[in-house]
C-alpha cells in the first residue's frame, strides 16, 4: 500500500515569509562613510556624540584650560604682571606699613579770654564748650576740678564758646557768663550754669528768658542792674559769634578731621583732644608734655 507523504499545511497568510539573503557575485562596494554630522556610535559606550561637536567641545576645553593656567601663572609671577623679564627684577618685597600722621599742633589764641590758673603755666588747655551740651556737663562734673587739683599751679584752663546751633539756650548762656565776667564772677557763673543743667538743657526744649539768667546772677550776689543791662544790650553777642567763627576756621587735623566739630573739644598745648575724656586720659597726655619740657 503506497505511503502518502505528509504534507505540511500551507503557511498562514498572516505570517510573512523570510526574505532570503542575496549574495552578489560581483565585487562588493564599500559604503561611503557617514557624513561628519551623523552620530557615530561606539558599541562599548552608552553616550553618543556627534563627531563635529566632540571636536568643538575639546577645542573650547583646551582654550579655557589655557586661559585659567595663564591667569594663575600671572598672579604669582610679578614679571608677567608688569610685562618685564622675571630675571631682570627680583620678586616684589612686602610694603612697609603706612606711617601714622603726625598730629597737628594748633596755635590757639588765649589772651583776653576767661582763664583759670597762672599765666605762665607749662600746660595750657583751651576748651571749646557749650553750656547745654550733656558731654560738656559730664566733663565739668567729673574731670574739670579733679584735673586742676592734680596739677596745682601747672595748668591754665582757657574757656572759649562753641554753642551748637540746635541747643536753644547755649548762645544766651554764653553771653550771660561773659556778662558776669564784667563783675569778676565768670567762673562762678560758669559753674552755676552747669549746676542748672536741667533747666538749660530741658527736655521740653524751652527757651529760657532773661529772668532765669537774672536769677542765677542774683544767687551769686551780682549787681543786677549792670548784669541786666549787659544782657539787654547783647554786649557779648559778637564775642560769642567770633568764638564760633574762629573755631570753624581752623584747618583740619592730620587725619582730615575738622578741628572743632562738636563739644567739648580741647587743645592741650596745641594738641587736639575730642570729647569728655576721663581724668586718666588727660593725665597721660599732660604727663608726657611735662616730661618733654
Protein backbone atom coordinates (compact mmCIF):
# COMPACT_ATOMS: atom_id res chain seq x y z
CA UNK A 1 0.00 0.00 0.00
CA UNK A 2 1.57 3.17 -1.11
CA UNK A 3 2.54 5.50 1.62
CA UNK A 4 1.47 9.07 1.48
CA UNK A 5 3.94 11.66 2.32
CA UNK A 6 2.87 14.00 4.99
CA UNK A 7 2.06 17.31 3.55
CA UNK A 8 2.62 20.36 5.70
CA UNK A 9 -0.30 22.66 5.83
CA UNK A 10 0.15 25.84 3.83
CA UNK A 11 1.55 28.84 5.64
CA UNK A 12 -0.95 31.20 7.02
CA UNK A 13 -1.33 34.33 5.00
CA UNK A 14 -0.69 36.34 8.14
CA UNK A 15 2.88 35.14 8.51
CA UNK A 16 5.44 36.75 6.23
CA UNK A 17 7.98 34.51 4.61
CA UNK A 18 11.60 35.07 5.50
CA UNK A 19 13.44 37.03 2.85
CA UNK A 20 16.40 35.04 1.66
CA UNK A 21 19.81 36.67 1.82
CA UNK A 22 21.12 37.70 -1.55
CA UNK A 23 24.78 37.25 -2.18
CA UNK A 24 26.04 39.27 -5.11
CA UNK A 25 28.51 37.51 -7.20
CA UNK A 26 30.21 40.74 -8.08
CA UNK A 27 32.70 42.81 -6.07
CA UNK A 28 31.12 44.47 -3.08
CA UNK A 29 31.31 48.24 -2.96
CA UNK A 30 32.43 49.81 0.27
CA UNK A 31 29.63 52.01 1.53
CA UNK A 32 30.57 55.68 1.85
CA UNK A 33 31.46 56.91 5.33
CA UNK A 34 28.67 58.63 7.23
CA UNK A 35 28.53 62.41 6.99
CA UNK A 36 30.50 64.26 9.71
CA UNK A 37 27.39 65.37 11.47
CA UNK A 38 25.84 61.94 11.67
CA UNK A 39 26.12 60.23 15.06
CA UNK A 40 28.95 57.74 15.47
CA UNK A 41 28.07 55.06 17.95
CA UNK A 42 30.70 53.32 19.98
CA UNK A 43 29.23 49.96 20.94
CA UNK A 44 31.17 49.94 24.17
CA UNK A 45 29.85 53.33 25.30
CA UNK A 46 26.39 54.44 26.19
CA UNK A 47 26.77 58.12 25.22
CA UNK A 48 26.61 59.21 21.67
CA UNK A 49 28.40 62.35 20.41
CA UNK A 50 28.37 63.99 17.10
CA UNK A 51 31.90 63.95 15.81
CA UNK A 52 31.93 67.62 14.93
CA UNK A 53 30.50 68.63 18.29
CA UNK A 54 33.03 66.48 20.10
CA UNK A 55 35.95 68.18 18.37
CA UNK A 56 34.46 71.61 19.05
CA UNK A 57 33.99 70.76 22.70
CA UNK A 58 37.59 69.60 23.04
CA UNK A 59 38.88 72.82 21.41
CA UNK A 60 36.85 75.01 23.80
CA UNK A 61 38.03 73.00 26.81
CA UNK A 62 41.65 73.38 25.72
CA UNK A 63 41.26 77.15 25.34
CA UNK A 64 39.61 77.51 28.75
CA UNK A 65 42.30 75.42 30.40
CA UNK A 66 44.99 77.59 28.83
CA UNK A 67 43.33 80.82 29.98
CA UNK A 68 42.92 79.57 33.55
CA UNK A 69 46.53 78.40 33.76
CA UNK A 70 47.74 81.68 32.31
CA UNK A 71 45.73 83.68 34.90
CA UNK A 72 47.18 81.78 37.87
CA UNK A 73 50.70 81.94 36.50
CA UNK A 74 50.32 85.70 36.03
CA UNK A 75 49.04 86.18 39.57
CA UNK A 76 52.12 84.53 41.04
CA UNK A 77 54.61 85.99 38.60
CA UNK A 78 55.37 89.71 39.13
CA UNK A 79 57.26 89.85 35.87
CA UNK A 80 54.20 88.65 33.94
CA UNK A 81 52.05 91.35 35.54
CA UNK A 82 54.45 94.17 34.69
CA UNK A 83 55.50 92.91 31.29
CA UNK A 84 59.15 92.73 32.40
CA UNK A 85 61.54 89.86 32.43
CA UNK A 86 61.44 87.76 35.57
CA UNK A 87 65.24 87.62 35.52
CA UNK A 88 65.58 91.42 35.43
CA UNK A 89 63.55 92.09 38.57
CA UNK A 90 63.56 90.19 41.86
CA UNK A 91 60.26 89.19 43.49
CA UNK A 92 58.32 92.10 44.99
CA UNK A 93 59.04 92.89 48.63
CA UNK A 94 56.12 93.43 51.03
CA UNK A 95 55.39 97.13 51.52
CA UNK A 96 56.11 98.76 54.84
CA UNK A 97 53.08 99.77 56.92
CA UNK A 98 51.73 103.26 56.39
CA UNK A 99 53.25 105.97 58.52
CA UNK A 100 50.93 107.34 61.20
CA UNK A 101 50.24 111.03 60.51
CA UNK A 102 51.94 113.42 62.90
CA UNK A 103 49.32 115.30 64.95
CA UNK A 104 48.95 118.96 64.10
CA UNK A 105 49.88 121.42 66.81
CA UNK A 106 47.40 124.30 66.79
CA UNK A 107 48.24 127.78 67.99
CA UNK A 108 45.01 128.81 69.71
CA UNK A 109 44.92 132.41 70.99
CA UNK A 110 44.27 132.69 74.72
CA UNK A 111 44.78 136.37 75.53
CA UNK A 112 41.62 138.17 76.58
CA UNK A 113 39.56 135.02 77.14
CA UNK A 114 38.33 133.72 80.52
CA UNK A 115 41.00 131.58 82.15
CA UNK A 116 41.94 129.83 85.37
CA UNK A 117 45.50 129.23 86.56
CA UNK A 118 48.79 131.06 86.27
CA UNK A 119 49.59 132.86 83.02
CA UNK A 120 52.98 131.10 82.82
CA UNK A 121 51.66 127.58 83.48
CA UNK A 122 53.53 124.90 81.48
CA UNK A 123 50.24 123.30 80.43
CA UNK A 124 47.62 125.39 78.63
CA UNK A 125 44.27 123.76 77.96
CA UNK A 126 41.84 125.58 75.67
CA UNK A 127 38.30 124.24 75.89
CA UNK A 128 35.64 124.90 73.25
CA UNK A 129 32.40 124.15 75.03
CA UNK A 130 28.62 124.54 75.13
CA UNK A 131 26.65 125.13 78.34
CA UNK A 132 23.77 122.98 77.10
CA UNK A 133 25.92 120.10 75.91
CA UNK A 134 25.45 116.99 78.11
CA UNK A 135 29.02 115.82 77.46
CA UNK A 136 30.38 119.20 78.46
CA UNK A 137 28.38 118.89 81.66
CA UNK A 138 29.78 115.41 82.20
CA UNK A 139 33.36 116.63 81.83
CA UNK A 140 32.67 119.57 84.13
CA UNK A 141 31.17 117.31 86.81
CA UNK A 142 33.76 114.51 86.68
CA UNK A 143 37.09 115.82 85.35
CA UNK A 144 37.35 119.60 85.48
CA UNK A 145 38.11 120.21 89.17
CA UNK A 146 40.00 116.92 89.82
CA UNK A 147 42.27 117.73 86.88
CA UNK A 148 43.15 121.19 88.20
CA UNK A 149 43.68 119.74 91.67
CA UNK A 150 46.05 117.05 90.33
CA UNK A 151 48.41 119.66 88.86
CA UNK A 152 48.38 122.70 91.16
CA UNK A 153 49.98 125.71 89.53
CA UNK A 154 50.79 123.79 86.34
CA UNK A 155 47.58 124.19 84.30
CA UNK A 156 45.97 127.22 82.77
CA UNK A 157 42.44 126.46 81.57
CA UNK A 158 41.01 128.82 78.93
CA UNK A 159 37.31 128.70 78.09
CA UNK A 160 36.04 129.55 74.62
CA UNK A 161 32.45 129.28 73.44
CA UNK A 162 31.10 126.92 70.83
CA UNK A 163 27.30 126.96 71.27
CA UNK A 164 25.81 124.39 68.94
CA UNK A 165 23.01 125.71 66.71
CA UNK A 166 20.47 123.11 67.84
CA UNK A 167 20.90 124.00 71.53
CA UNK A 168 18.32 126.71 72.07
CA UNK A 169 19.81 128.07 75.31
CA UNK A 170 23.54 127.67 74.71
CA UNK A 171 24.21 131.00 73.00
CA UNK A 172 22.47 133.18 75.57
CA UNK A 173 24.03 131.22 78.42
CA UNK A 174 27.46 132.03 76.97
CA UNK A 175 26.55 135.71 76.84
CA UNK A 176 25.35 135.61 80.46
CA UNK A 177 28.64 134.11 81.69
CA UNK A 178 30.60 136.87 79.95
CA UNK A 179 28.31 139.50 81.50
CA UNK A 180 29.07 138.01 84.91
CA UNK A 181 32.73 138.22 83.99
CA UNK A 182 32.38 142.02 83.96
CA UNK A 183 31.98 141.67 87.73
CA UNK A 184 34.86 139.21 88.10
CA UNK A 185 32.42 136.35 88.53
CA UNK A 186 32.85 134.50 85.26
CA UNK A 187 33.89 131.14 86.73
CA UNK A 188 31.28 131.28 89.49
CA UNK A 189 28.57 131.89 86.87
CA UNK A 190 30.17 129.25 84.62
CA UNK A 191 29.73 126.68 87.40
CA UNK A 192 26.18 127.88 88.11
CA UNK A 193 25.15 127.28 84.50
CA UNK A 194 26.32 123.67 84.69
CA UNK A 195 24.62 123.30 88.08
CA UNK A 196 21.30 124.35 86.46
CA UNK A 197 21.78 121.91 83.59
CA UNK A 198 18.23 120.54 83.94
CA UNK A 199 16.78 123.97 83.23
CA UNK A 200 19.16 124.91 80.44
CA UNK A 201 19.05 121.50 78.75
CA UNK A 202 15.38 120.86 79.48
CA UNK A 203 13.68 118.01 77.68
CA UNK A 204 10.78 120.19 76.56
CA UNK A 205 13.11 122.38 74.53
CA UNK A 206 12.01 125.51 76.36
CA UNK A 207 13.96 128.67 75.62
CA UNK A 208 14.94 130.32 78.89
CA UNK A 209 14.20 134.01 79.26
CA UNK A 210 16.47 136.66 80.71
CA UNK A 211 14.74 136.23 84.06
CA UNK A 212 16.42 132.83 84.51
CA UNK A 213 19.88 134.27 83.94
CA UNK A 214 18.91 137.18 86.17
CA UNK A 215 18.12 134.70 88.93
CA UNK A 216 21.48 132.95 88.58
CA UNK A 217 23.19 136.35 88.87
CA UNK A 218 21.11 137.18 91.93
CA UNK A 219 22.12 133.92 93.59
CA UNK A 220 25.75 134.97 93.18
CA UNK A 221 25.12 138.43 94.61
CA UNK A 222 25.97 140.29 91.42
CA UNK A 223 24.95 143.85 90.58
CA UNK A 224 21.69 143.00 88.86
CA UNK A 225 21.25 146.33 87.11
CA UNK A 226 24.66 146.04 85.49
CA UNK A 227 24.07 142.40 84.63
CA UNK A 228 20.61 143.03 83.17
CA UNK A 229 21.88 145.95 81.12
CA UNK A 230 24.68 143.77 79.73
CA UNK A 231 22.17 141.13 78.69
CA UNK A 232 19.64 143.56 77.17
CA UNK A 233 22.24 145.27 75.03
CA UNK A 234 23.68 141.93 73.90
CA UNK A 235 27.12 143.23 74.78
CA UNK A 236 28.85 139.90 74.18
CA UNK A 237 26.78 138.54 71.32
CA UNK A 238 29.50 139.30 68.78
CA UNK A 239 32.20 137.89 71.06
CA UNK A 240 30.38 134.55 71.26
CA UNK A 241 29.86 134.53 67.49
CA UNK A 242 33.55 135.30 66.97
CA UNK A 243 34.49 132.23 69.02
CA UNK A 244 32.27 130.14 66.79
CA UNK A 245 33.67 131.62 63.60
CA UNK A 246 37.25 131.17 64.74
CA UNK A 247 36.75 127.52 65.69
CA UNK A 248 35.12 126.82 62.34
CA UNK A 249 38.03 128.44 60.50
CA UNK A 250 40.68 126.14 61.96
CA UNK A 251 42.31 123.73 59.48
CA UNK A 252 41.58 120.04 59.60
CA UNK A 253 43.92 117.81 61.56
CA UNK A 254 46.43 115.38 60.04
CA UNK A 255 43.68 112.77 59.59
CA UNK A 256 41.45 115.19 57.72
CA UNK A 257 39.02 115.62 60.62
CA UNK A 258 37.51 119.02 61.33
CA UNK A 259 39.39 120.73 64.16
CA UNK A 260 36.26 121.62 66.11
CA UNK A 261 33.15 119.76 65.01
CA UNK A 262 31.48 119.20 68.37
CA UNK A 263 31.76 119.80 72.08
CA UNK A 264 33.72 119.54 74.16
CA UNK A 265 36.93 119.90 72.16
CA UNK A 266 40.22 120.56 73.95
CA UNK A 267 43.65 121.71 72.84
CA UNK A 268 46.40 120.71 75.30
CA UNK A 269 49.44 122.81 74.46
CA UNK A 270 48.01 122.95 70.96
CA UNK A 271 47.23 119.22 70.55
CA UNK A 272 43.59 118.39 69.90
CA UNK A 273 41.55 116.13 72.18
CA UNK A 274 37.89 115.44 71.41
CA UNK A 275 35.15 114.51 73.85
CA UNK A 276 34.57 114.19 77.56
CA UNK A 277 37.61 112.02 78.11
CA UNK A 278 38.25 110.69 81.65
CA UNK A 279 40.79 112.13 84.06
CA UNK A 280 43.35 109.36 83.36
CA UNK A 281 43.35 110.20 79.65
CA UNK A 282 44.17 113.86 80.33
CA UNK A 283 46.82 112.87 82.86
CA UNK A 284 48.58 110.64 80.35
CA UNK A 285 48.87 113.50 77.85
CA UNK A 286 49.78 116.13 80.43
CA UNK A 287 52.46 113.90 81.99
CA UNK A 288 54.03 113.37 78.57
CA UNK A 289 54.02 117.12 77.93
CA UNK A 290 55.62 117.87 81.27
CA UNK A 291 58.26 115.20 80.71
CA UNK A 292 59.24 116.72 77.37
CA UNK A 293 59.68 120.22 78.76
